[in-house]
Amino acid sequence: MRLLGVLLLAILWVLLAARPAWAQDKTVNYTYGELQGRDFSHLDLRQAVFAAADLREATLAGSDLTRAIFTKATLLHTDLTGANLTDALIDRVNLEGANLTNAQFVDAIASQSSFYQATITGADFSGAILDTYQVVQLCQRAEGVNPVTGVATRESLGCR
């Protein structure tokens, strides 16, 4: 009887497409970190948390920041060249003067964030949530095609 119960539970598990909860052994938390000028280039930082972190003039070039959290972070003049920010939460972030060349912001949430004077050549914003004002400003200087996704920056922003 016990074996039957275990078997039924296993079948139910598969039918409901349940996945076991695994501990995230690679999640990095830099919340409130003073990280000015630090070099995080070409690192696996998927799901890393940089909430309220100060990353002024830091380098995150070529890093995988998929699903990373940057809420209220400061990224003034930060180098994000070729970084993957797919599905990242970039809410209320200051990206003024940042280098976003060839970065991927696919499906990212970047509400209430500032991209003033950011370099966006080749950046892909497909499916990203951005404030309308920021989109208008970004479209004024949008150019290039993302080398990874093949999507033009203007197209990804929905520029006219």
C-alpha atoms as a PDB file:
ATOM      1  CA  MET A   1       0.000   0.000   0.000  1.00  0.00           C
ATOM      2  CA  ARG A   2       2.824   2.368   0.893  1.00  0.00           C
ATOM      3  CA  LEU A   3       4.535   1.661  -2.453  1.00  0.00           C
ATOM      4  CA  LEU A   4       1.315   2.440  -4.284  1.00  0.00           C
ATOM      5  CA  GLY A   5       1.050   5.791  -2.471  1.00  0.00           C
ATOM      6  CA  VAL A   6       4.619   6.696  -3.384  1.00  0.00           C
ATOM      7  CA  LEU A   7       4.017   5.668  -6.992  1.00  0.00           C
ATOM      8  CA  LEU A   8       0.826   7.755  -7.198  1.00  0.00           C
ATOM      9  CA  LEU A   9       2.641  10.725  -5.705  1.00  0.00           C
ATOM     10  CA  ALA A  10       5.447  10.378  -8.274  1.00  0.00           C
ATOM     11  CA  ILE A  11       2.954  10.203 -11.135  1.00  0.00           C
ATOM     12  CA  LEU A  12       1.109  13.235  -9.826  1.00  0.00           C
ATOM     13  CA  TRP A  13       4.444  15.063  -9.541  1.00  0.00           C
ATOM     14  CA  VAL A  14       5.233  14.377 -13.211  1.00  0.00           C
ATOM     15  CA  LEU A  15       1.724  15.257 -14.400  1.00  0.00           C
ATOM     16  CA  LEU A  16       1.818  18.610 -12.650  1.00  0.00           C
ATOM     17  CA  ALA A  17       5.281  19.318 -14.099  1.00  0.00           C
ATOM     18  CA  ALA A  18       6.584  20.021 -10.653  1.00  0.00           C
ATOM     19  CA  ARG A  19      10.257  20.739 -10.316  1.00  0.00           C
ATOM     20  CA  PRO A  20      12.224  20.212  -7.134  1.00  0.00           C
ATOM     21  CA  ALA A  21      13.465  23.338  -5.410  1.00  0.00           C
ATOM     22  CA  TRP A  22      17.231  23.527  -5.660  1.00  0.00           C
ATOM     23  CA  ALA A  23      19.285  25.893  -3.587  1.00  0.00           C
ATOM     24  CA  GLN A  24      20.876  28.616  -5.674  1.00  0.00           C
ATOM     25  CA  ASP A  25      24.533  28.066  -5.020  1.00  0.00           C
ATOM     26  CA  LYS A  26      25.701  30.791  -7.440  1.00  0.00           C
ATOM     27  CA  THR A  27      23.446  33.693  -6.469  1.00  0.00           C
ATOM     28  CA  VAL A  28      25.508  36.709  -5.524  1.00  0.00           C
ATOM     29  CA  ASN A  29      24.129  39.526  -3.369  1.00  0.00           C
ATOM     30  CA  TYR A  30      25.776  42.957  -3.595  1.00  0.00           C
ATOM     31  CA  THR A  31      22.839  44.877  -2.096  1.00  0.00           C
ATOM     32  CA  TYR A  32      23.970  48.342  -0.942  1.00  0.00           C
ATOM     33  CA  GLY A  33      27.499  47.497  -2.116  1.00  0.00           C
ATOM     34  CA  GLU A  34      30.054  50.243  -2.651  1.00  0.00           C
ATOM     35  CA  LEU A  35      31.398  48.839  -5.910  1.00  0.00           C
ATOM     36  CA  GLN A  36      32.712  51.932  -7.697  1.00  0.00           C
ATOM     37  CA  GLY A  37      35.276  51.113 -10.366  1.00  0.00           C
ATOM     38  CA  ARG A  38      35.158  47.340  -9.735  1.00  0.00           C
ATOM     39  CA  ASP A  39      35.800  44.935 -12.620  1.00  0.00           C
ATOM     40  CA  PHE A  40      33.006  42.382 -13.062  1.00  0.00           C
ATOM     41  CA  SER A  41      33.718  41.795 -16.755  1.00  0.00           C
ATOM     42  CA  HIS A  42      32.944  38.462 -18.419  1.00  0.00           C
ATOM     43  CA  LEU A  43      31.469  36.879 -15.271  1.00  0.00           C
ATOM     44  CA  ASP A  44      28.462  34.625 -14.767  1.00  0.00           C
ATOM     45  CA  LEU A  45      26.277  36.902 -12.639  1.00  0.00           C
ATOM     46  CA  ARG A  46      22.907  35.388 -13.498  1.00  0.00           C
ATOM     47  CA  GLN A  47      20.331  36.338 -10.861  1.00  0.00           C
ATOM     48  CA  ALA A  48      22.854  38.465  -8.974  1.00  0.00           C
ATOM     49  CA  VAL A  49      21.386  41.189  -6.782  1.00  0.00           C
ATOM     50  CA  PHE A  50      22.796  44.719  -7.038  1.00  0.00           C
ATOM     51  CA  ALA A  51      19.881  46.482  -5.304  1.00  0.00           C
ATOM     52  CA  ALA A  52      20.865  50.022  -4.277  1.00  0.00           C
ATOM     53  CA  ALA A  53      24.504  49.234  -5.136  1.00  0.00           C
ATOM     54  CA  ASP A  54      26.865  51.972  -6.286  1.00  0.00           C
ATOM     55  CA  LEU A  55      28.500  50.719  -9.496  1.00  0.00           C
ATOM     56  CA  ARG A  56      29.811  54.056 -10.785  1.00  0.00           C
ATOM     57  CA  GLU A  57      32.486  53.528 -13.437  1.00  0.00           C
ATOM     58  CA  ALA A  58      32.429  49.763 -12.825  1.00  0.00           C
ATOM     59  CA  THR A  59      32.937  47.290 -15.668  1.00  0.00           C
ATOM     60  CA  LEU A  60      30.348  44.603 -16.350  1.00  0.00           C
ATOM     61  CA  ALA A  61      31.345  44.157 -20.009  1.00  0.00           C
ATOM     62  CA  GLY A  62      30.474  40.774 -21.472  1.00  0.00           C
ATOM     63  CA  SER A  63      28.916  39.519 -18.240  1.00  0.00           C
ATOM     64  CA  ASP A  64      25.799  37.360 -18.097  1.00  0.00           C
ATOM     65  CA  LEU A  65      23.391  39.356 -15.942  1.00  0.00           C
ATOM     66  CA  THR A  66      20.284  37.415 -16.924  1.00  0.00           C
ATOM     67  CA  ARG A  67      17.527  37.980 -14.342  1.00  0.00           C
ATOM     68  CA  ALA A  68      19.821  40.193 -12.253  1.00  0.00           C
ATOM     69  CA  ILE A  69      18.266  42.803  -9.969  1.00  0.00           C
ATOM     70  CA  PHE A  70      19.488  46.410 -10.066  1.00  0.00           C
ATOM     71  CA  THR A  71      16.638  48.206  -8.256  1.00  0.00           C
ATOM     72  CA  LYS A  72      17.718  51.732  -7.231  1.00  0.00           C
ATOM     73  CA  ALA A  73      21.328  51.036  -8.263  1.00  0.00           C
ATOM     74  CA  THR A  74      23.717  53.693  -9.561  1.00  0.00           C
ATOM     75  CA  LEU A  75      25.416  52.789 -12.833  1.00  0.00           C
ATOM     76  CA  LEU A  76      26.829  56.194 -13.810  1.00  0.00           C
ATOM     77  CA  HIS A  77      29.424  55.759 -16.579  1.00  0.00           C
ATOM     78  CA  THR A  78      29.360  51.980 -16.079  1.00  0.00           C
ATOM     79  CA  ASP A  79      30.649  49.774 -18.917  1.00  0.00           C
ATOM     80  CA  LEU A  80      27.985  47.222 -19.895  1.00  0.00           C
ATOM     81  CA  THR A  81      29.382  46.572 -23.378  1.00  0.00           C
ATOM     82  CA  GLY A  82      28.031  43.253 -24.658  1.00  0.00           C
ATOM     83  CA  ALA A  83      26.405  42.400 -21.312  1.00  0.00           C
ATOM     84  CA  ASN A  84      23.345  40.154 -21.276  1.00  0.00           C
ATOM     85  CA  LEU A  85      20.605  41.736 -19.148  1.00  0.00           C
ATOM     86  CA  THR A  86      17.784  39.541 -20.432  1.00  0.00           C
ATOM     87  CA  ASP A  87      14.851  39.495 -17.979  1.00  0.00           C
ATOM     88  CA  ALA A  88      16.761  41.798 -15.603  1.00  0.00           C
ATOM     89  CA  LEU A  89      14.997  44.147 -13.201  1.00  0.00           C
ATOM     90  CA  ILE A  90      16.521  47.588 -13.746  1.00  0.00           C
ATOM     91  CA  ASP A  91      13.936  49.614 -11.849  1.00  0.00           C
ATOM     92  CA  ARG A  92      14.764  53.212 -10.826  1.00  0.00           C
ATOM     93  CA  VAL A  93      18.386  52.874 -11.959  1.00  0.00           C
ATOM     94  CA  ASN A  94      20.648  55.728 -13.028  1.00  0.00           C
ATOM     95  CA  LEU A  95      22.448  54.636 -16.219  1.00  0.00           C
ATOM     96  CA  GLU A  96      23.596  58.124 -17.212  1.00  0.00           C
ATOM     97  CA  GLY A  97      26.668  58.042 -19.413  1.00  0.00           C
ATOM     98  CA  ALA A  98      26.796  54.229 -19.322  1.00  0.00           C
ATOM     99  CA  ASN A  99      28.210  52.292 -22.270  1.00  0.00           C
ATOM    100  CA  LEU A 100      25.477  49.878 -23.388  1.00  0.00           C
ATOM    101  CA  THR A 101      27.046  49.054 -26.756  1.00  0.00           C
ATOM    102  CA  ASN A 102      25.775  45.651 -27.974  1.00  0.00           C
ATOM    103  CA  ALA A 103      24.085  44.940 -24.621  1.00  0.00           C
ATOM    104  CA  GLN A 104      20.941  42.816 -24.513  1.00  0.00           C
ATOM    105  CA  PHE A 105      17.987  44.180 -22.538  1.00  0.00           C
ATOM    106  CA  VAL A 106      15.537  41.630 -23.949  1.00  0.00           C
ATOM    107  CA  ASP A 107      12.370  41.480 -21.804  1.00  0.00           C
ATOM    108  CA  ALA A 108      14.050  43.568 -19.085  1.00  0.00           C
ATOM    109  CA  ILE A 109      12.065  45.887 -16.841  1.00  0.00           C
ATOM    110  CA  ALA A 110      13.706  49.302 -16.791  1.00  0.00           C
ATOM    111  CA  SER A 111      10.928  51.496 -15.451  1.00  0.00           C
ATOM    112  CA  GLN A 112      11.759  54.896 -14.002  1.00  0.00           C
ATOM    113  CA  SER A 113      15.383  54.477 -15.082  1.00  0.00           C
ATOM    114  CA  SER A 114      17.518  57.205 -16.679  1.00  0.00           C
ATOM    115  CA  PHE A 115      19.555  56.546 -19.827  1.00  0.00           C
ATOM    116  CA  TYR A 116      20.720  60.149 -20.283  1.00  0.00           C
ATOM    117  CA  GLN A 117      23.817  60.259 -22.542  1.00  0.00           C
ATOM    118  CA  ALA A 118      24.140  56.452 -22.485  1.00  0.00           C
ATOM    119  CA  THR A 119      25.782  54.902 -25.539  1.00  0.00           C
ATOM    120  CA  ILE A 120      23.277  52.411 -26.970  1.00  0.00           C
ATOM    121  CA  THR A 121      24.780  51.460 -30.344  1.00  0.00           C
ATOM    122  CA  GLY A 122      23.763  47.880 -31.124  1.00  0.00           C
ATOM    123  CA  ALA A 123      21.791  47.438 -27.885  1.00  0.00           C
ATOM    124  CA  ASP A 124      18.689  45.223 -28.096  1.00  0.00           C
ATOM    125  CA  PHE A 125      15.687  46.400 -26.061  1.00  0.00           C
ATOM    126  CA  SER A 126      13.200  43.885 -27.535  1.00  0.00           C
ATOM    127  CA  GLY A 127      10.260  43.366 -25.195  1.00  0.00           C
ATOM    128  CA  ALA A 128      11.808  45.638 -22.536  1.00  0.00           C
ATOM    129  CA  ILE A 129       9.577  47.827 -20.415  1.00  0.00           C
ATOM    130  CA  LEU A 130      10.854  51.406 -20.557  1.00  0.00           C
ATOM    131  CA  ASP A 131       9.218  54.729 -19.758  1.00  0.00           C
ATOM    132  CA  THR A 132       7.821  56.429 -22.865  1.00  0.00           C
ATOM    133  CA  TYR A 133       9.988  59.505 -22.308  1.00  0.00           C
ATOM    134  CA  GLN A 134      13.136  57.354 -22.180  1.00  0.00           C
ATOM    135  CA  VAL A 135      12.152  55.564 -25.409  1.00  0.00           C
ATOM    136  CA  VAL A 136      11.722  58.921 -27.178  1.00  0.00           C
ATOM    137  CA  GLN A 137      15.146  60.043 -25.930  1.00  0.00           C
ATOM    138  CA  LEU A 138      16.822  56.738 -26.840  1.00  0.00           C
ATOM    139  CA  CYS A 139      15.309  56.752 -30.338  1.00  0.00           C
ATOM    140  CA  GLN A 140      17.096  60.053 -31.052  1.00  0.00           C
ATOM    141  CA  ARG A 141      20.457  58.283 -30.890  1.00  0.00           C
ATOM    142  CA  ALA A 142      19.554  54.643 -31.597  1.00  0.00           C
ATOM    143  CA  GLU A 143      21.690  52.977 -34.243  1.00  0.00           C
ATOM    144  CA  GLY A 144      23.390  49.697 -35.010  1.00  0.00           C
ATOM    145  CA  VAL A 145      22.444  46.044 -34.849  1.00  0.00           C
ATOM    146  CA  ASN A 146      23.036  43.734 -31.913  1.00  0.00           C
ATOM    147  CA  PRO A 147      25.655  41.138 -32.971  1.00  0.00           C
ATOM    148  CA  VAL A 148      24.105  38.378 -30.825  1.00  0.00           C
ATOM    149  CA  THR A 149      20.380  38.784 -31.527  1.00  0.00           C
ATOM    150  CA  GLY A 150      20.640  40.408 -34.984  1.00  0.00           C
ATOM    151  CA  VAL A 151      18.015  42.989 -33.979  1.00  0.00           C
ATOM    152  CA  ALA A 152      18.473  46.669 -34.851  1.00  0.00           C
ATOM    153  CA  THR A 153      18.447  49.014 -31.864  1.00  0.00           C
ATOM    154  CA  ARG A 154      15.835  51.288 -33.488  1.00  0.00           C
ATOM    155  CA  GLU A 155      13.589  48.312 -34.210  1.00  0.00           C
ATOM    156  CA  SER A 156      13.912  46.940 -30.668  1.00  0.00           C
ATOM    157  CA  LEU A 157      12.829  50.318 -29.260  1.00  0.00           C
ATOM    158  CA  GLY A 158       9.941  50.660 -31.701  1.00  0.00           C
ATOM    159  CA  CYS A 159      11.341  53.916 -33.117  1.00  0.00           C
ATOM    160  CA  ARG A 160       9.498  55.498 -36.040  1.00  0.00           C
END
